[in-house]
């Protein structure tokens, strides 16, 4: 019986995005989040007494700014070497041979697969053979799995591959292949990388597993992030494939319904209740994107002002004992609908917005778009694209502000 650790998409020294302007966040911990998560991986490998570690691509996030990134990785491999743990690596699209130009000699326990063709490596002292190939460049369009070596019938066979497996739309297409392509090889386990969401594609015959990345980097990567510890018995059968979290900061989306509230302090009460119900795992800091929803007369005020947001940020810090941070607060509330027979300016607002919902507004704003800086045009075009996700929210915010102003509820410092 033996154990191995399967990880992927480490993205060493990749920054956590969207937090640079946040006052109060632990900046140094955020900057080193990927390193702290990798330290947890090394500690887990040692405590679980695994025989070897697999890293299925994107160890690095791109070319090193300096050698400190490589030196950090080298030092952690040396720790594993001291425990007799071997490490097997393939390069993915972010750390392809053509992307990462700097290099350091690897410790003797660390093995990197070739970029020219797939090869096989026998694990010392264990009845396991690993087949893999690194990316020669960032864009690999061909099916690498098709040319992987034949199965060794005397061993437990593992295929390592960085791929956008057929059926996934989470990331761009790299080294595409299908489940049937992988099955044809007859391997017992496929250690995949590239998809940042943990995904157990098949749990037997063969096992096909994406462990996900080890540290979420933005709000699109919510939930626990980590690796798999796989146990194989003497008959070369996988008896367990357990997920272990490794992340230091965990991203989360939290919706709070403030429908019907009429006082600002009620908003704070609703958020307080929701935050206190959030489960806060040990040794984890939560980065939360808070969305306020529901129909309330306060919608215009919530959109027009921002000072109330700082009170909620302070509330989160207090409740979480500096382990819960509000990354962004979105107002997705709506203004309560008025009676159908309403007249005057409010009726004109409803009519105008209804027309905008049924028309393409981009031609109307062409003159304005032409005056914008080039780096802003793309984001503005996306916001006024009727087929895009931002358009309806934009109209809802405009409607709420106009209703608030016309009904005398907007405050003096409204933007």
Protein backbone atom coordinates (compact mmCIF):
# COMPACT_ATOMS: atom_id res chain seq x y z
CA UNK A 1 0.00 0.00 0.00
CA UNK A 2 1.20 3.52 -0.74
CA UNK A 3 -0.03 7.12 -0.72
CA UNK A 4 0.55 10.05 -3.02
CA UNK A 5 -0.46 13.71 -3.06
CA UNK A 6 -2.01 15.17 -6.21
CA UNK A 7 -1.97 18.96 -6.61
CA UNK A 8 -2.02 21.38 -9.51
CA UNK A 9 -2.18 25.09 -10.37
CA UNK A 10 -0.03 26.34 -7.53
CA UNK A 11 0.64 29.69 -9.28
CA UNK A 12 3.45 30.57 -6.90
CA UNK A 13 3.67 34.29 -6.16
CA UNK A 14 0.51 35.06 -8.10
CA UNK A 15 -1.29 38.00 -6.44
CA UNK A 16 -4.80 37.89 -5.04
CA UNK A 17 -6.72 40.25 -7.31
CA UNK A 18 -9.14 43.01 -6.42
CA UNK A 19 -7.73 43.83 -2.98
CA UNK A 20 -5.12 46.50 -3.64
CA UNK A 21 -7.34 49.44 -2.62
CA UNK A 22 -8.79 47.80 0.47
CA UNK A 23 -7.83 49.68 3.61
CA UNK A 24 -7.06 47.39 6.54
CA UNK A 25 -6.44 44.10 4.79
CA UNK A 26 -3.27 42.25 5.86
CA UNK A 27 -1.29 43.17 2.75
CA UNK A 28 1.79 41.07 3.49
CA UNK A 29 -0.24 37.92 4.16
CA UNK A 30 -2.18 38.46 0.95
CA UNK A 31 1.02 38.95 -1.04
CA UNK A 32 2.41 35.67 0.28
CA UNK A 33 -0.86 33.68 0.19
CA UNK A 34 0.29 31.23 -2.49
CA UNK A 35 3.50 30.55 -0.56
CA UNK A 36 1.64 29.94 2.69
CA UNK A 37 -0.72 27.53 0.90
CA UNK A 38 2.26 25.71 -0.60
CA UNK A 39 3.85 25.45 2.83
CA UNK A 40 0.66 23.75 3.98
CA UNK A 41 0.96 21.34 1.06
CA UNK A 42 4.51 20.40 2.06
CA UNK A 43 3.48 19.97 5.71
CA UNK A 44 0.52 17.81 4.68
CA UNK A 45 2.70 15.57 2.50
CA UNK A 46 5.03 15.00 5.44
CA UNK A 47 2.31 14.46 8.05
CA UNK A 48 0.41 12.05 5.79
CA UNK A 49 3.65 10.19 5.02
CA UNK A 50 3.01 10.14 1.29
CA UNK A 51 5.50 8.35 -0.91
CA UNK A 52 5.45 10.98 -3.68
CA UNK A 53 3.86 14.25 -4.77
CA UNK A 54 2.40 15.14 -8.18
CA UNK A 55 2.08 18.74 -9.42
CA UNK A 56 0.08 18.69 -12.65
CA UNK A 57 1.13 21.97 -14.21
CA UNK A 58 1.21 25.71 -13.48
CA UNK A 59 3.53 25.51 -10.52
CA UNK A 60 4.46 29.08 -11.48
CA UNK A 61 2.21 31.89 -12.66
CA UNK A 62 4.59 33.00 -15.38
CA UNK A 63 8.20 34.06 -15.71
CA UNK A 64 9.88 34.91 -12.41
CA UNK A 65 10.48 38.54 -11.56
CA UNK A 66 13.65 37.33 -9.86
CA UNK A 67 15.11 34.09 -8.53
CA UNK A 68 13.34 34.32 -5.17
CA UNK A 69 10.34 32.42 -6.54
CA UNK A 70 12.55 29.56 -7.70
CA UNK A 71 14.59 29.58 -4.50
CA UNK A 72 11.42 29.30 -2.41
CA UNK A 73 10.28 26.25 -4.37
CA UNK A 74 13.77 24.70 -4.20
CA UNK A 75 13.86 25.03 -0.40
CA UNK A 76 10.48 23.30 -0.02
CA UNK A 77 11.57 20.46 -2.28
CA UNK A 78 14.60 20.02 -0.07
CA UNK A 79 12.31 19.57 2.93
CA UNK A 80 10.50 16.78 1.11
CA UNK A 81 13.81 15.23 0.07
CA UNK A 82 14.81 15.00 3.72
CA UNK A 83 11.69 12.86 4.29
CA UNK A 84 12.38 10.66 1.27
CA UNK A 85 9.45 12.07 -0.71
CA UNK A 86 9.83 12.32 -4.49
CA UNK A 87 8.09 15.05 -6.51
CA UNK A 88 6.96 14.83 -10.15
CA UNK A 89 6.18 17.94 -12.20
CA UNK A 90 4.76 18.83 -15.57
CA UNK A 91 4.67 22.33 -17.00
CA UNK A 92 1.32 23.88 -17.94
CA UNK A 93 0.35 26.93 -19.97
CA UNK A 94 1.43 29.41 -17.26
CA UNK A 95 4.86 27.88 -16.67
CA UNK A 96 5.56 26.40 -20.11
CA UNK A 97 9.18 26.07 -21.21
CA UNK A 98 8.84 29.14 -23.45
CA UNK A 99 7.26 31.22 -20.67
CA UNK A 100 9.52 30.64 -17.65
CA UNK A 101 12.97 31.56 -18.93
CA UNK A 102 14.81 31.49 -15.59
CA UNK A 103 15.78 28.22 -13.93
CA UNK A 104 17.60 26.70 -10.99
CA UNK A 105 18.92 23.14 -10.64
CA UNK A 106 16.24 20.92 -9.08
CA UNK A 107 16.99 18.76 -6.02
CA UNK A 108 17.50 15.10 -6.88
CA UNK A 109 14.07 14.15 -5.52
CA UNK A 110 12.31 16.48 -7.99
CA UNK A 111 11.58 15.21 -11.49
CA UNK A 112 10.37 17.33 -14.42
CA UNK A 113 8.79 15.69 -17.46
CA UNK A 114 10.14 16.43 -20.93
CA UNK A 115 8.50 18.94 -23.27
CA UNK A 116 9.36 17.10 -26.50
CA UNK A 117 7.34 13.94 -25.95
CA UNK A 118 5.54 12.00 -23.24
CA UNK A 119 7.73 9.80 -21.07
CA UNK A 120 7.42 7.38 -18.16
CA UNK A 121 9.10 7.52 -14.76
CA UNK A 122 9.23 4.68 -12.23
CA UNK A 123 8.78 5.81 -8.62
CA UNK A 124 11.68 4.50 -6.50
CA UNK A 125 10.61 1.90 -3.96
CA UNK A 126 6.95 1.95 -5.03
CA UNK A 127 5.06 -0.15 -7.56
CA UNK A 128 3.94 2.92 -9.50
CA UNK A 129 4.88 4.40 -12.85
CA UNK A 130 4.03 7.96 -13.91
CA UNK A 131 3.48 9.05 -17.51
CA UNK A 132 3.56 12.72 -18.44
CA UNK A 133 4.61 15.55 -20.71
CA UNK A 134 5.28 19.23 -20.08
CA UNK A 135 4.02 22.08 -22.25
CA UNK A 136 6.73 23.41 -24.59
CA UNK A 137 4.85 26.69 -25.00
CA UNK A 138 1.78 28.47 -23.68
CA UNK A 139 -0.59 27.37 -26.45
CA UNK A 140 -0.79 23.60 -26.90
CA UNK A 141 -3.70 22.79 -29.19
CA UNK A 142 -3.07 19.11 -29.84
CA UNK A 143 -4.28 16.11 -27.85
CA UNK A 144 -1.14 15.16 -25.90
CA UNK A 145 -2.81 12.19 -24.23
CA UNK A 146 -3.08 10.35 -27.54
CA UNK A 147 0.69 9.82 -27.61
CA UNK A 148 1.21 8.86 -23.97
CA UNK A 149 3.15 5.60 -23.37
CA UNK A 150 1.49 2.22 -23.03
CA UNK A 151 0.39 1.00 -19.63
CA UNK A 152 2.86 -1.00 -17.54
CA UNK A 153 0.88 -4.09 -16.45
CA UNK A 154 3.14 -4.67 -13.43
CA UNK A 155 2.53 -1.27 -11.84
CA UNK A 156 -0.07 1.26 -10.79
CA UNK A 157 -0.14 3.65 -13.76
CA UNK A 158 -0.65 7.40 -13.36
CA UNK A 159 -1.08 9.84 -16.23
CA UNK A 160 -0.19 13.47 -15.52
CA UNK A 161 -1.74 15.96 -17.91
CA UNK A 162 -2.49 19.68 -17.98
CA UNK A 163 -5.68 19.89 -20.02
CA UNK A 164 -9.03 21.52 -20.61
CA UNK A 165 -10.88 18.24 -20.58
CA UNK A 166 -13.88 17.97 -22.88
CA UNK A 167 -17.02 19.12 -21.09
CA UNK A 168 -15.40 21.92 -19.09
CA UNK A 169 -15.92 25.57 -20.00
CA UNK A 170 -14.11 27.07 -16.99
CA UNK A 171 -10.83 27.86 -18.74
CA UNK A 172 -9.37 28.32 -22.20
CA UNK A 173 -8.71 25.23 -24.30
CA UNK A 174 -5.30 23.62 -23.85
CA UNK A 175 -4.22 20.07 -24.76
CA UNK A 176 -7.88 19.11 -25.34
CA UNK A 177 -8.97 15.49 -24.91
CA UNK A 178 -12.00 13.44 -23.94
CA UNK A 179 -12.68 11.02 -21.12
CA UNK A 180 -12.64 8.22 -23.69
CA UNK A 181 -9.14 9.29 -24.80
CA UNK A 182 -7.94 8.87 -21.23
CA UNK A 183 -9.74 5.57 -20.71
CA UNK A 184 -8.09 4.07 -23.79
CA UNK A 185 -4.68 4.27 -22.10
CA UNK A 186 -5.75 1.82 -19.38
CA UNK A 187 -4.10 3.81 -16.58
CA UNK A 188 -5.52 3.49 -13.08
CA UNK A 189 -5.37 7.23 -12.26
CA UNK A 190 -5.22 10.46 -14.25
CA UNK A 191 -3.74 13.38 -12.31
CA UNK A 192 -5.01 16.41 -14.19
CA UNK A 193 -4.44 20.14 -13.87
CA UNK A 194 -5.65 23.44 -15.40
CA UNK A 195 -9.24 23.52 -14.09
CA UNK A 196 -9.23 25.54 -10.87
CA UNK A 197 -12.41 23.98 -9.49
CA UNK A 198 -11.99 20.62 -7.76
CA UNK A 199 -13.62 18.08 -10.08
CA UNK A 200 -13.76 14.33 -9.65
CA UNK A 201 -14.57 13.47 -13.26
CA UNK A 202 -14.58 9.72 -12.64
CA UNK A 203 -14.12 7.87 -9.36
CA UNK A 204 -12.92 4.58 -10.78
CA UNK A 205 -12.15 2.75 -14.02
CA UNK A 206 -10.09 4.92 -14.19
CA UNK A 207 -9.92 7.69 -11.62
CA UNK A 208 -9.85 11.05 -13.43
CA UNK A 209 -9.33 13.96 -11.04
CA UNK A 210 -8.78 17.71 -11.09
CA UNK A 211 -7.74 18.76 -7.57
CA UNK A 212 -8.32 22.47 -8.34
CA UNK A 213 -5.85 25.16 -7.36
CA UNK A 214 -4.50 25.40 -3.83
CA UNK A 215 -5.31 29.09 -3.24
CA UNK A 216 -8.20 31.06 -4.73
CA UNK A 217 -6.96 34.25 -6.38
CA UNK A 218 -10.17 36.21 -7.03
CA UNK A 219 -13.92 36.17 -6.47
CA UNK A 220 -14.40 33.75 -9.38
CA UNK A 221 -12.52 31.12 -7.35
CA UNK A 222 -14.75 30.68 -4.32
CA UNK A 223 -14.84 27.85 -1.81
CA UNK A 224 -12.18 25.63 -0.29
CA UNK A 225 -9.02 25.06 -2.34
CA UNK A 226 -6.53 22.26 -1.84
CA UNK A 227 -5.26 18.89 -3.03
CA UNK A 228 -6.01 15.16 -2.99
CA UNK A 229 -4.36 12.43 -0.94
CA UNK A 230 -4.75 9.14 -2.78
CA UNK A 231 -4.28 5.73 -1.11
CA UNK A 232 -3.57 2.67 -3.27
CA UNK A 233 -3.69 -0.91 -1.96
CA UNK A 234 -1.43 -3.84 -2.87
CA UNK A 235 -3.75 -4.89 -5.70
CA UNK A 236 -3.30 -1.46 -7.35
CA UNK A 237 -6.80 -0.36 -6.43
CA UNK A 238 -7.55 3.19 -5.24
CA UNK A 239 -9.15 2.83 -1.83
CA UNK A 240 -9.49 6.54 -1.05
CA UNK A 241 -9.07 9.89 -2.79
CA UNK A 242 -9.55 12.50 -0.09
CA UNK A 243 -9.66 16.27 -0.52
CA UNK A 244 -7.58 18.35 1.91
CA UNK A 245 -7.95 22.16 2.02
CA UNK A 246 -4.74 24.18 1.86
CA UNK A 247 -5.91 27.75 1.24
CA UNK A 248 -5.10 30.60 3.59
CA UNK A 249 -7.63 33.11 2.23
CA UNK A 250 -10.99 31.81 1.05
CA UNK A 251 -13.27 33.73 -1.30
CA UNK A 252 -17.01 33.74 -0.70
CA UNK A 253 -20.12 35.37 -2.13
CA UNK A 254 -22.79 36.37 0.38
CA UNK A 255 -26.26 37.65 -0.54
CA UNK A 256 -28.33 39.48 2.05
CA UNK A 257 -31.99 40.29 1.38
CA UNK A 258 -32.85 43.77 2.67
CA UNK A 259 -36.23 43.86 0.99
CA UNK A 260 -38.75 45.99 2.84
CA UNK A 261 -36.31 47.74 5.17
CA UNK A 262 -36.96 51.46 5.65
CA UNK A 263 -34.06 52.54 7.89
CA UNK A 264 -30.32 52.29 7.24
CA UNK A 265 -29.69 50.67 10.61
CA UNK A 266 -31.91 47.78 9.49
CA UNK A 267 -29.49 47.11 6.65
CA UNK A 268 -26.67 46.81 9.16
CA UNK A 269 -28.76 44.48 11.31
CA UNK A 270 -29.48 42.19 8.35
CA UNK A 271 -25.80 42.05 7.39
CA UNK A 272 -24.79 41.45 11.01
CA UNK A 273 -27.11 38.44 11.21
CA UNK A 274 -25.85 37.01 7.90
CA UNK A 275 -22.18 37.40 8.82
CA UNK A 276 -22.65 35.75 12.20
CA UNK A 277 -24.16 32.74 10.43
CA UNK A 278 -21.10 32.29 8.20
CA UNK A 279 -18.95 29.30 9.10
CA UNK A 280 -15.37 30.40 9.66
CA UNK A 281 -12.97 27.42 9.44
CA UNK A 282 -9.87 27.31 11.60
CA UNK A 283 -6.76 29.01 10.19
CA UNK A 284 -8.76 30.54 7.33
CA UNK A 285 -9.46 34.19 6.52
CA UNK A 286 -12.60 34.85 4.48
CA UNK A 287 -12.74 37.43 1.72
CA UNK A 288 -16.42 38.12 1.14
CA UNK A 289 -18.23 39.82 -1.70
CA UNK A 290 -21.46 41.08 -0.17
CA UNK A 291 -24.52 41.64 -2.37
CA UNK A 292 -27.59 43.43 -1.03
CA UNK A 293 -30.80 42.28 -2.72
CA UNK A 294 -34.54 42.84 -2.47
CA UNK A 295 -36.89 45.76 -3.08
CA UNK A 296 -36.50 48.67 -0.67
CA UNK A 297 -37.17 52.40 -0.59
CA UNK A 298 -33.51 52.78 0.45
CA UNK A 299 -32.20 51.61 -2.91
CA UNK A 300 -31.48 55.09 -4.21
CA UNK A 301 -29.66 56.08 -1.04
CA UNK A 302 -27.64 52.86 -1.00
CA UNK A 303 -26.52 53.43 -4.58
CA UNK A 304 -25.94 57.17 -4.27
CA UNK A 305 -23.77 57.11 -1.16
CA UNK A 306 -20.86 55.06 0.10
CA UNK A 307 -20.14 56.06 3.69
CA UNK A 308 -22.44 53.31 5.04
CA UNK A 309 -20.17 50.69 3.44
CA UNK A 310 -17.32 51.46 5.83
CA UNK A 311 -19.61 50.66 8.76
CA UNK A 312 -20.29 47.23 7.27
CA UNK A 313 -16.59 46.62 6.69
CA UNK A 314 -15.88 47.46 10.31
CA UNK A 315 -18.73 45.17 11.35
CA UNK A 316 -17.25 42.26 9.38
CA UNK A 317 -13.81 42.82 10.88
CA UNK A 318 -15.29 42.84 14.38
CA UNK A 319 -17.45 39.74 13.91
CA UNK A 320 -14.63 37.76 12.36
CA UNK A 321 -11.97 39.00 14.80
CA UNK A 322 -10.00 40.26 11.78
CA UNK A 323 -10.60 37.06 9.82
CA UNK A 324 -13.55 38.25 7.69
CA UNK A 325 -13.00 40.98 5.12
CA UNK A 326 -15.54 42.52 2.76
CA UNK A 327 -13.82 42.67 -0.62
CA UNK A 328 -16.69 44.46 -2.33
CA UNK A 329 -20.22 45.53 -1.46
CA UNK A 330 -22.68 45.42 -4.36
CA UNK A 331 -26.10 47.03 -4.28
CA UNK A 332 -28.41 44.81 -6.29
CA UNK A 333 -31.56 46.10 -4.66
CA UNK A 334 -34.50 47.35 -6.66
CA UNK A 335 -36.84 50.24 -6.05
CA UNK A 336 -40.32 49.04 -5.09
CA UNK A 337 -42.54 49.05 -8.16
CA UNK A 338 -45.04 51.89 -8.42
CA UNK A 339 -48.70 51.39 -9.35
CA UNK A 340 -49.31 50.94 -13.07
CA UNK A 341 -51.39 54.12 -13.25
CA UNK A 342 -48.73 56.39 -11.83
CA UNK A 343 -48.17 59.56 -13.82
CA UNK A 344 -45.75 62.46 -14.08
CA UNK A 345 -41.95 62.12 -14.09
CA UNK A 346 -41.95 58.65 -12.55
CA UNK A 347 -44.05 57.37 -15.42
CA UNK A 348 -41.62 58.94 -17.89
CA UNK A 349 -38.70 57.23 -16.15
CA UNK A 350 -40.43 53.85 -16.39
CA UNK A 351 -41.23 54.42 -20.07
CA UNK A 352 -37.69 55.50 -20.96
CA UNK A 353 -36.04 52.58 -19.14
CA UNK A 354 -38.47 50.15 -20.72
CA UNK A 355 -37.40 51.44 -24.13
CA UNK A 356 -33.72 51.01 -23.21
CA UNK A 357 -34.34 47.43 -22.20
CA UNK A 358 -35.75 46.74 -25.66
CA UNK A 359 -33.12 48.61 -27.67
CA UNK A 360 -29.39 48.60 -28.28
CA UNK A 361 -28.06 51.70 -26.46
CA UNK A 362 -24.56 51.57 -27.94
CA UNK A 363 -25.35 53.69 -31.04
CA UNK A 364 -26.83 56.35 -28.75
CA UNK A 365 -23.56 56.60 -26.83
CA UNK A 366 -21.15 56.41 -29.77
CA UNK A 367 -20.15 60.06 -29.48
CA UNK A 368 -19.51 59.64 -25.75
CA UNK A 369 -17.54 56.43 -26.29
CA UNK A 370 -15.35 58.15 -28.87
CA UNK A 371 -14.27 60.69 -26.25
CA UNK A 372 -13.27 58.10 -23.65
CA UNK A 373 -9.66 56.95 -23.16
CA UNK A 374 -8.92 53.71 -24.98
CA UNK A 375 -8.40 51.78 -21.74
CA UNK A 376 -11.96 52.64 -20.64
CA UNK A 377 -13.85 51.98 -23.86
CA UNK A 378 -13.93 48.22 -23.53
CA UNK A 379 -15.37 48.22 -20.00
CA UNK A 380 -17.99 50.85 -20.88
CA UNK A 381 -19.04 48.96 -24.00
CA UNK A 382 -19.44 45.83 -21.87
CA UNK A 383 -21.59 47.71 -19.36
CA UNK A 384 -24.03 48.99 -22.04
CA UNK A 385 -24.22 45.72 -23.93
CA UNK A 386 -27.85 44.49 -23.58
CA UNK A 387 -26.66 40.88 -23.79
CA UNK A 388 -24.05 41.34 -21.06
CA UNK A 389 -24.41 40.61 -17.34
CA UNK A 390 -23.92 44.24 -16.23
CA UNK A 391 -26.62 45.92 -18.33
CA UNK A 392 -29.72 45.03 -16.32
CA UNK A 393 -27.98 45.94 -13.06
CA UNK A 394 -26.93 49.28 -14.59
CA UNK A 395 -30.53 50.06 -15.57
CA UNK A 396 -31.74 49.05 -12.11
CA UNK A 397 -29.26 51.44 -10.49
CA UNK A 398 -30.26 54.28 -12.83
CA UNK A 399 -33.94 53.64 -12.11
CA UNK A 400 -33.34 53.63 -8.36
CA UNK A 401 -31.37 56.89 -8.44
CA UNK A 402 -33.96 58.66 -10.57
CA UNK A 403 -36.80 57.46 -8.37
CA UNK A 404 -34.93 58.64 -5.29
CA UNK A 405 -34.24 62.07 -6.73
CA UNK A 406 -37.73 62.58 -8.11
CA UNK A 407 -39.32 61.50 -4.85
CA UNK A 408 -37.02 63.73 -2.79
CA UNK A 409 -35.12 60.85 -1.13
CA UNK A 410 -31.66 61.28 -2.68
CA UNK A 411 -29.13 62.81 -0.35
CA UNK A 412 -27.08 65.90 -1.05
CA UNK A 413 -23.75 64.13 -1.59
CA UNK A 414 -25.14 61.71 -4.19
CA UNK A 415 -22.64 60.95 -6.95
